[in-house]
PDB file of N, CA and C in Angstrom:
ATOM      1  N   UNK A   1     -54.927-150.648-203.533  1.00  0.00           N
ATOM      2  CA  UNK A   1     -55.930-151.299-203.678  1.00  0.00           C
ATOM      3  C   UNK A   1     -56.888-151.407-205.007  1.00  0.00           C
ATOM      4  N   UNK A   2     -57.566-152.113-205.003  1.00  0.00           N
ATOM      5  CA  UNK A   2     -58.418-152.247-206.302  1.00  0.00           C
ATOM      6  C   UNK A   2     -59.317-151.168-206.413  1.00  0.00           C
ATOM      7  N   UNK A   3     -60.034-150.840-205.245  1.00  0.00           N
ATOM      8  CA  UNK A   3     -61.170-149.786-205.624  1.00  0.00           C
ATOM      9  C   UNK A   3     -60.320-148.303-205.647  1.00  0.00           C
ATOM     10  N   UNK A   4     -59.276-148.284-205.107  1.00  0.00           N
ATOM     11  CA  UNK A   4     -58.625-146.755-205.300  1.00  0.00           C
ATOM     12  C   UNK A   4     -58.254-146.897-206.834  1.00  0.00           C
ATOM     13  N   UNK A   5     -57.675-148.010-207.315  1.00  0.00           N
ATOM     14  CA  UNK A   5     -57.355-147.931-209.048  1.00  0.00           C
ATOM     15  C   UNK A   5     -58.486-147.747-209.780  1.00  0.00           C
ATOM     16  N   UNK A   6     -59.823-148.333-209.445  1.00  0.00           N
ATOM     17  CA  UNK A   6     -60.787-148.119-210.045  1.00  0.00           C
ATOM     18  C   UNK A   6     -61.262-146.564-210.003  1.00  0.00           C
ATOM     19  N   UNK A   7     -61.204-146.054-208.877  1.00  0.00           N
ATOM     20  CA  UNK A   7     -61.512-144.612-209.050  1.00  0.00           C
ATOM     21  C   UNK A   7     -60.850-143.767-209.674  1.00  0.00           C
ATOM     22  N   UNK A   8     -59.422-144.127-209.732  1.00  0.00           N
ATOM     23  CA  UNK A   8     -58.209-143.105-210.395  1.00  0.00           C
ATOM     24  C   UNK A   8     -58.731-143.559-211.874  1.00  0.00           C
ATOM     25  N   UNK A   9     -58.850-144.502-212.397  1.00  0.00           N
ATOM     26  CA  UNK A   9     -59.351-145.108-213.617  1.00  0.00           C
ATOM     27  C   UNK A   9     -60.333-144.215-214.165  1.00  0.00           C
ATOM     28  N   UNK A  10     -61.382-144.107-213.570  1.00  0.00           N
ATOM     29  CA  UNK A  10     -62.406-143.475-213.774  1.00  0.00           C
ATOM     30  C   UNK A  10     -62.372-141.748-214.185  1.00  0.00           C
ATOM     31  N   UNK A  11     -61.321-141.467-213.457  1.00  0.00           N
ATOM     32  CA  UNK A  11     -60.813-140.100-213.666  1.00  0.00           C
ATOM     33  C   UNK A  11     -59.985-139.884-214.845  1.00  0.00           C
ATOM     34  N   UNK A  12     -59.439-141.154-215.326  1.00  0.00           N
ATOM     35  CA  UNK A  12     -58.455-140.885-216.549  1.00  0.00           C
ATOM     36  C   UNK A  12     -57.140-140.865-216.136  1.00  0.00           C
ATOM     37  N   UNK A  13     -56.961-141.506-214.681  1.00  0.00           N
ATOM     38  CA  UNK A  13     -55.601-141.407-214.210  1.00  0.00           C
ATOM     39  C   UNK A  13     -55.066-142.736-214.054  1.00  0.00           C
ATOM     40  N   UNK A  14     -53.951-143.057-214.882  1.00  0.00           N
ATOM     41  CA  UNK A  14     -53.313-144.334-214.801  1.00  0.00           C
ATOM     42  C   UNK A  14     -52.295-144.591-213.845  1.00  0.00           C
ATOM     43  N   UNK A  15     -52.716-145.300-212.777  1.00  0.00           N
ATOM     44  CA  UNK A  15     -51.848-145.805-211.424  1.00  0.00           C
ATOM     45  C   UNK A  15     -50.666-146.840-212.020  1.00  0.00           C
ATOM     46  N   UNK A  16     -49.546-146.344-211.954  1.00  0.00           N
ATOM     47  CA  UNK A  16     -48.512-147.309-212.215  1.00  0.00           C
ATOM     48  C   UNK A  16     -47.567-147.635-210.965  1.00  0.00           C
ATOM     49  N   UNK A  17     -47.851-148.440-209.857  1.00  0.00           N
ATOM     50  CA  UNK A  17     -47.039-149.050-208.951  1.00  0.00           C
ATOM     51  C   UNK A  17     -47.208-150.321-208.677  1.00  0.00           C
ATOM     52  N   UNK A  18     -46.401-151.128-208.157  1.00  0.00           N
ATOM     53  CA  UNK A  18     -46.458-152.470-208.118  1.00  0.00           C
ATOM     54  C   UNK A  18     -47.465-152.865-207.029  1.00  0.00           C
ATOM     55  N   UNK A  19     -48.162-154.258-207.167  1.00  0.00           N
ATOM     56  CA  UNK A  19     -48.898-154.816-206.188  1.00  0.00           C
ATOM     57  C   UNK A  19     -48.106-155.170-205.038  1.00  0.00           C
ATOM     58  N   UNK A  20     -48.453-155.587-203.946  1.00  0.00           N
ATOM     59  CA  UNK A  20     -48.179-156.102-202.824  1.00  0.00           C
ATOM     60  C   UNK A  20     -47.416-157.515-203.019  1.00  0.00           C
ATOM     61  N   UNK A  21     -46.278-157.799-202.717  1.00  0.00           N
ATOM     62  CA  UNK A  21     -45.728-159.268-202.896  1.00  0.00           C
ATOM     63  C   UNK A  21     -46.567-160.635-202.557  1.00  0.00           C
ATOM     64  N   UNK A  22     -47.397-160.256-201.494  1.00  0.00           N
ATOM     65  CA  UNK A  22     -48.342-161.189-200.961  1.00  0.00           C
ATOM     66  C   UNK A  22     -49.695-161.091-201.531  1.00  0.00           C
ATOM     67  N   UNK A  23     -49.847-160.443-202.729  1.00  0.00           N
ATOM     68  CA  UNK A  23     -51.269-160.270-203.133  1.00  0.00           C
ATOM     69  C   UNK A  23     -52.027-161.556-203.258  1.00  0.00           C
ATOM     70  N   UNK A  24     -53.022-161.724-203.226  1.00  0.00           N
ATOM     71  CA  UNK A  24     -53.834-163.040-203.294  1.00  0.00           C
ATOM     72  C   UNK A  24     -54.491-162.910-204.851  1.00  0.00           C
ATOM     73  N   UNK A  25     -55.026-162.013-205.185  1.00  0.00           N
ATOM     74  CA  UNK A  25     -55.976-161.924-206.372  1.00  0.00           C
ATOM     75  C   UNK A  25     -54.836-161.777-207.579  1.00  0.00           C
ATOM     76  N   UNK A  26     -55.190-161.944-208.635  1.00  0.00           N
ATOM     77  CA  UNK A  26     -54.237-161.791-209.844  1.00  0.00           C
ATOM     78  C   UNK A  26     -53.824-160.478-210.051  1.00  0.00           C
ATOM     79  N   UNK A  27     -52.583-160.296-210.596  1.00  0.00           N
ATOM     80  CA  UNK A  27     -52.348-158.611-210.730  1.00  0.00           C
ATOM     81  C   UNK A  27     -53.368-158.059-212.057  1.00  0.00           C
ATOM     82  N   UNK A  28     -53.345-156.851-211.864  1.00  0.00           N
ATOM     83  CA  UNK A  28     -54.497-156.161-212.732  1.00  0.00           C
ATOM     84  C   UNK A  28     -53.330-155.271-213.655  1.00  0.00           C
ATOM     85  N   UNK A  29     -52.129-155.129-213.602  1.00  0.00           N
ATOM     86  CA  UNK A  29     -51.190-154.279-214.355  1.00  0.00           C
ATOM     87  C   UNK A  29     -50.482-155.177-215.392  1.00  0.00           C
ATOM     88  N   UNK A  30     -49.998-154.664-216.479  1.00  0.00           N
ATOM     89  CA  UNK A  30     -49.202-155.180-217.437  1.00  0.00           C
ATOM     90  C   UNK A  30     -47.601-154.972-216.974  1.00  0.00           C
ATOM     91  N   UNK A  31     -46.848-156.002-217.223  1.00  0.00           N
ATOM     92  CA  UNK A  31     -45.501-155.938-216.752  1.00  0.00           C
ATOM     93  C   UNK A  31     -44.710-154.811-217.369  1.00  0.00           C
ATOM     94  N   UNK A  32     -45.052-154.180-218.659  1.00  0.00           N
ATOM     95  CA  UNK A  32     -44.382-153.293-219.388  1.00  0.00           C
ATOM     96  C   UNK A  32     -44.346-151.986-218.720  1.00  0.00           C
ATOM     97  N   UNK A  33     -45.601-151.750-218.140  1.00  0.00           N
ATOM     98  CA  UNK A  33     -45.420-150.334-217.587  1.00  0.00           C
ATOM     99  C   UNK A  33     -44.863-150.626-216.081  1.00  0.00           C
ATOM    100  N   UNK A  34     -44.812-151.467-215.458  1.00  0.00           N
ATOM    101  CA  UNK A  34     -43.983-151.649-214.388  1.00  0.00           C
ATOM    102  C   UNK A  34     -42.660-151.397-214.449  1.00  0.00           C
ATOM    103  N   UNK A  35     -42.061-151.898-215.466  1.00  0.00           N
ATOM    104  CA  UNK A  35     -40.576-151.684-215.799  1.00  0.00           C
ATOM    105  C   UNK A  35     -40.312-150.365-216.017  1.00  0.00           C
ATOM    106  N   UNK A  36     -41.533-149.346-216.426  1.00  0.00           N
ATOM    107  CA  UNK A  36     -41.154-148.080-216.325  1.00  0.00           C
ATOM    108  C   UNK A  36     -41.116-147.574-214.981  1.00  0.00           C
ATOM    109  N   UNK A  37     -41.592-148.333-214.070  1.00  0.00           N
ATOM    110  CA  UNK A  37     -41.998-147.653-212.572  1.00  0.00           C
ATOM    111  C   UNK A  37     -40.374-148.062-211.873  1.00  0.00           C
ATOM    112  N   UNK A  38     -39.964-149.295-212.496  1.00  0.00           N
ATOM    113  CA  UNK A  38     -38.512-149.764-211.989  1.00  0.00           C
ATOM    114  C   UNK A  38     -37.381-148.908-212.068  1.00  0.00           C
ATOM    115  N   UNK A  39     -37.567-148.118-213.298  1.00  0.00           N
ATOM    116  CA  UNK A  39     -36.550-147.126-213.616  1.00  0.00           C
ATOM    117  C   UNK A  39     -36.592-145.859-213.204  1.00  0.00           C
ATOM    118  N   UNK A  40     -37.529-145.598-212.492  1.00  0.00           N
ATOM    119  CA  UNK A  40     -38.047-144.133-212.009  1.00  0.00           C
ATOM    120  C   UNK A  40     -36.783-143.806-210.800  1.00  0.00           C
ATOM    121  N   UNK A  41     -36.301-144.579-210.331  1.00  0.00           N
ATOM    122  CA  UNK A  41     -35.179-144.319-209.138  1.00  0.00           C
ATOM    123  C   UNK A  41     -34.081-143.378-209.854  1.00  0.00           C
ATOM    124  N   UNK A  42     -33.826-143.591-211.116  1.00  0.00           N
ATOM    125  CA  UNK A  42     -32.831-143.104-211.697  1.00  0.00           C
ATOM    126  C   UNK A  42     -33.057-141.620-211.616  1.00  0.00           C
ATOM    127  N   UNK A  43     -34.447-141.079-212.098  1.00  0.00           N
ATOM    128  CA  UNK A  43     -34.704-139.746-212.345  1.00  0.00           C
ATOM    129  C   UNK A  43     -34.806-138.951-210.799  1.00  0.00           C
ATOM    130  N   UNK A  44     -35.197-139.935-209.956  1.00  0.00           N
ATOM    131  CA  UNK A  44     -35.554-139.237-208.412  1.00  0.00           C
ATOM    132  C   UNK A  44     -34.070-139.327-207.864  1.00  0.00           C
ATOM    133  N   UNK A  45     -33.240-139.917-208.311  1.00  0.00           N
ATOM    134  CA  UNK A  45     -31.762-139.843-207.849  1.00  0.00           C
ATOM    135  C   UNK A  45     -31.100-138.607-208.332  1.00  0.00           C
ATOM    136  N   UNK A  46     -31.128-138.367-209.770  1.00  0.00           N
ATOM    137  CA  UNK A  46     -30.752-137.270-210.246  1.00  0.00           C
ATOM    138  C   UNK A  46     -31.059-135.942-209.739  1.00  0.00           C
ATOM    139  N   UNK A  47     -32.522-135.886-209.604  1.00  0.00           N
ATOM    140  CA  UNK A  47     -33.072-134.685-208.995  1.00  0.00           C
ATOM    141  C   UNK A  47     -32.502-134.478-207.552  1.00  0.00           C
ATOM    142  N   UNK A  48     -32.288-135.476-206.679  1.00  0.00           N
ATOM    143  CA  UNK A  48     -31.882-135.328-205.426  1.00  0.00           C
ATOM    144  C   UNK A  48     -30.362-134.923-205.756  1.00  0.00           C
ATOM    145  N   UNK A  49     -29.672-135.144-206.481  1.00  0.00           N
ATOM    146  CA  UNK A  49     -28.229-134.609-206.902  1.00  0.00           C
ATOM    147  C   UNK A  49     -28.359-133.222-206.871  1.00  0.00           C
ATOM    148  N   UNK A  50     -29.122-132.793-207.824  1.00  0.00           N
ATOM    149  CA  UNK A  50     -29.530-131.356-208.025  1.00  0.00           C
ATOM    150  C   UNK A  50     -29.898-130.583-206.976  1.00  0.00           C
ATOM    151  N   UNK A  51     -30.316-131.235-206.049  1.00  0.00           N
ATOM    152  CA  UNK A  51     -30.809-130.699-204.638  1.00  0.00           C
ATOM    153  C   UNK A  51     -29.539-130.249-203.986  1.00  0.00           C
ATOM    154  N   UNK A  52     -28.214-130.794-204.240  1.00  0.00           N
ATOM    155  CA  UNK A  52     -27.237-130.474-203.407  1.00  0.00           C
ATOM    156  C   UNK A  52     -26.449-129.241-203.866  1.00  0.00           C
ATOM    157  N   UNK A  53     -27.066-128.546-204.910  1.00  0.00           N
ATOM    158  CA  UNK A  53     -26.662-127.337-205.387  1.00  0.00           C
ATOM    159  C   UNK A  53     -27.506-126.205-204.700  1.00  0.00           C
ATOM    160  N   UNK A  54     -27.103-125.629-203.680  1.00  0.00           N
ATOM    161  CA  UNK A  54     -28.005-124.670-203.103  1.00  0.00           C
ATOM    162  C   UNK A  54     -28.509-123.291-204.050  1.00  0.00           C
ATOM    163  N   UNK A  55     -27.595-123.033-204.998  1.00  0.00           N
ATOM    164  CA  UNK A  55     -28.055-122.136-206.052  1.00  0.00           C
ATOM    165  C   UNK A  55     -29.060-122.211-206.877  1.00  0.00           C
ATOM    166  N   UNK A  56     -29.255-123.697-206.955  1.00  0.00           N
ATOM    167  CA  UNK A  56     -30.387-124.004-207.865  1.00  0.00           C
ATOM    168  C   UNK A  56     -31.582-124.153-206.825  1.00  0.00           C
ATOM    169  N   UNK A  57     -31.747-124.443-205.775  1.00  0.00           N
ATOM    170  CA  UNK A  57     -32.850-124.510-204.663  1.00  0.00           C
ATOM    171  C   UNK A  57     -33.539-123.241-204.532  1.00  0.00           C
ATOM    172  N   UNK A  58     -32.410-122.298-203.945  1.00  0.00           N
ATOM    173  CA  UNK A  58     -32.842-121.214-203.578  1.00  0.00           C
ATOM    174  C   UNK A  58     -33.117-120.047-204.682  1.00  0.00           C
ATOM    175  N   UNK A  59     -32.418-120.264-205.685  1.00  0.00           N
ATOM    176  CA  UNK A  59     -32.911-119.355-206.870  1.00  0.00           C
ATOM    177  C   UNK A  59     -32.792-118.027-206.703  1.00  0.00           C
ATOM    178  N   UNK A  60     -31.396-117.431-206.683  1.00  0.00           N
ATOM    179  CA  UNK A  60     -31.453-115.953-206.430  1.00  0.00           C
ATOM    180  C   UNK A  60     -31.630-115.350-207.621  1.00  0.00           C
ATOM    181  N   UNK A  61     -31.277-115.657-209.064  1.00  0.00           N
ATOM    182  CA  UNK A  61     -31.296-115.055-210.283  1.00  0.00           C
ATOM    183  C   UNK A  61     -32.408-114.985-210.842  1.00  0.00           C
ATOM    184  N   UNK A  62     -32.458-113.738-211.284  1.00  0.00           N
ATOM    185  CA  UNK A  62     -33.810-113.424-211.853  1.00  0.00           C
ATOM    186  C   UNK A  62     -34.077-113.687-213.421  1.00  0.00           C
ATOM    187  N   UNK A  63     -32.934-113.833-214.044  1.00  0.00           N
ATOM    188  CA  UNK A  63     -33.181-114.239-215.664  1.00  0.00           C
ATOM    189  C   UNK A  63     -33.172-115.776-215.949  1.00  0.00           C
ATOM    190  N   UNK A  64     -33.846-116.193-216.404  1.00  0.00           N
ATOM    191  CA  UNK A  64     -33.835-117.645-216.574  1.00  0.00           C
ATOM    192  C   UNK A  64     -32.453-117.852-217.273  1.00  0.00           C
ATOM    193  N   UNK A  65     -31.870-117.177-217.995  1.00  0.00           N
ATOM    194  CA  UNK A  65     -30.572-117.511-218.833  1.00  0.00           C
ATOM    195  C   UNK A  65     -29.536-117.801-217.746  1.00  0.00           C
ATOM    196  N   UNK A  66     -29.383-116.970-216.658  1.00  0.00           N
ATOM    197  CA  UNK A  66     -28.462-117.424-215.479  1.00  0.00           C
ATOM    198  C   UNK A  66     -28.812-118.608-214.929  1.00  0.00           C
ATOM    199  N   UNK A  67     -30.039-118.764-214.397  1.00  0.00           N
ATOM    200  CA  UNK A  67     -30.365-120.075-213.839  1.00  0.00           C
ATOM    201  C   UNK A  67     -30.292-120.966-214.621  1.00  0.00           C
ATOM    202  N   UNK A  68     -30.396-121.297-215.976  1.00  0.00           N
ATOM    203  CA  UNK A  68     -30.381-122.184-216.908  1.00  0.00           C
ATOM    204  C   UNK A  68     -28.700-122.650-216.941  1.00  0.00           C
ATOM    205  N   UNK A  69     -28.064-121.473-217.150  1.00  0.00           N
ATOM    206  CA  UNK A  69     -26.633-121.634-217.234  1.00  0.00           C
ATOM    207  C   UNK A  69     -25.852-122.546-215.731  1.00  0.00           C
ATOM    208  N   UNK A  70     -26.460-122.070-214.725  1.00  0.00           N
ATOM    209  CA  UNK A  70     -25.989-122.773-213.617  1.00  0.00           C
ATOM    210  C   UNK A  70     -26.571-124.212-213.255  1.00  0.00           C
ATOM    211  N   UNK A  71     -27.582-124.410-213.857  1.00  0.00           N
ATOM    212  CA  UNK A  71     -28.530-125.919-213.983  1.00  0.00           C
ATOM    213  C   UNK A  71     -27.447-126.701-214.975  1.00  0.00           C
ATOM    214  N   UNK A  72     -26.995-126.159-216.171  1.00  0.00           N
ATOM    215  CA  UNK A  72     -26.232-127.014-216.805  1.00  0.00           C
ATOM    216  C   UNK A  72     -24.828-127.147-216.322  1.00  0.00           C
ATOM    217  N   UNK A  73     -24.366-126.199-215.542  1.00  0.00           N
ATOM    218  CA  UNK A  73     -22.968-126.513-214.802  1.00  0.00           C
ATOM    219  C   UNK A  73     -23.206-127.454-213.792  1.00  0.00           C
ATOM    220  N   UNK A  74     -24.337-127.493-213.001  1.00  0.00           N
ATOM    221  CA  UNK A  74     -24.772-128.424-211.963  1.00  0.00           C
ATOM    222  C   UNK A  74     -24.528-129.950-212.600  1.00  0.00           C
ATOM    223  N   UNK A  75     -25.427-130.010-213.642  1.00  0.00           N
ATOM    224  CA  UNK A  75     -25.560-131.241-214.462  1.00  0.00           C
ATOM    225  C   UNK A  75     -24.071-131.731-215.157  1.00  0.00           C
ATOM    226  N   UNK A  76     -23.135-130.916-215.374  1.00  0.00           N
ATOM    227  CA  UNK A  76     -21.732-131.230-215.910  1.00  0.00           C
ATOM    228  C   UNK A  76     -20.942-131.687-214.661  1.00  0.00           C
ATOM    229  N   UNK A  77     -21.335-130.959-213.400  1.00  0.00           N
ATOM    230  CA  UNK A  77     -20.518-131.394-212.155  1.00  0.00           C
ATOM    231  C   UNK A  77     -20.868-132.874-211.916  1.00  0.00           C
ATOM    232  N   UNK A  78     -21.962-133.113-211.815  1.00  0.00           N
ATOM    233  CA  UNK A  78     -22.715-134.297-211.554  1.00  0.00           C
ATOM    234  C   UNK A  78     -22.276-135.343-212.500  1.00  0.00           C
ATOM    235  N   UNK A  79     -22.032-135.278-213.824  1.00  0.00           N
ATOM    236  CA  UNK A  79     -21.614-135.875-214.814  1.00  0.00           C
ATOM    237  C   UNK A  79     -20.036-136.382-214.651  1.00  0.00           C
ATOM    238  N   UNK A  80     -19.192-135.427-214.383  1.00  0.00           N
ATOM    239  CA  UNK A  80     -17.844-135.684-214.057  1.00  0.00           C
ATOM    240  C   UNK A  80     -17.524-136.398-212.750  1.00  0.00           C
ATOM    241  N   UNK A  81     -18.421-136.133-211.771  1.00  0.00           N
ATOM    242  CA  UNK A  81     -18.384-136.760-210.474  1.00  0.00           C
ATOM    243  C   UNK A  81     -18.621-138.450-210.573  1.00  0.00           C
ATOM    244  N   UNK A  82     -19.403-138.758-211.710  1.00  0.00           N
ATOM    245  CA  UNK A  82     -19.562-140.044-212.127  1.00  0.00           C
ATOM    246  C   UNK A  82     -18.793-140.788-212.642  1.00  0.00           C
ATOM    247  N   UNK A  83     -17.747-140.260-213.179  1.00  0.00           N
ATOM    248  CA  UNK A  83     -16.686-140.965-213.933  1.00  0.00           C
ATOM    249  C   UNK A  83     -15.309-140.667-213.208  1.00  0.00           C
TER     250      UNK A  83
END
């Protein structure tokens, strides 16, 4: 809603989400920023794929080096599965 957008703007927060398709008032957002919103699903999908690796979710490793190694291995496996 427009009042919510105004309250967020007063706090310095930029809301980037599409208006309802049946909105009567003219849109208040620029289309360029909405294109960024439309590509957001790719990031969310990738994070969801990383959630399939229990070792990354639970994080048993105490050292960041080991965790980072498993993170990179998971990313490589995801990339290989896509091809």
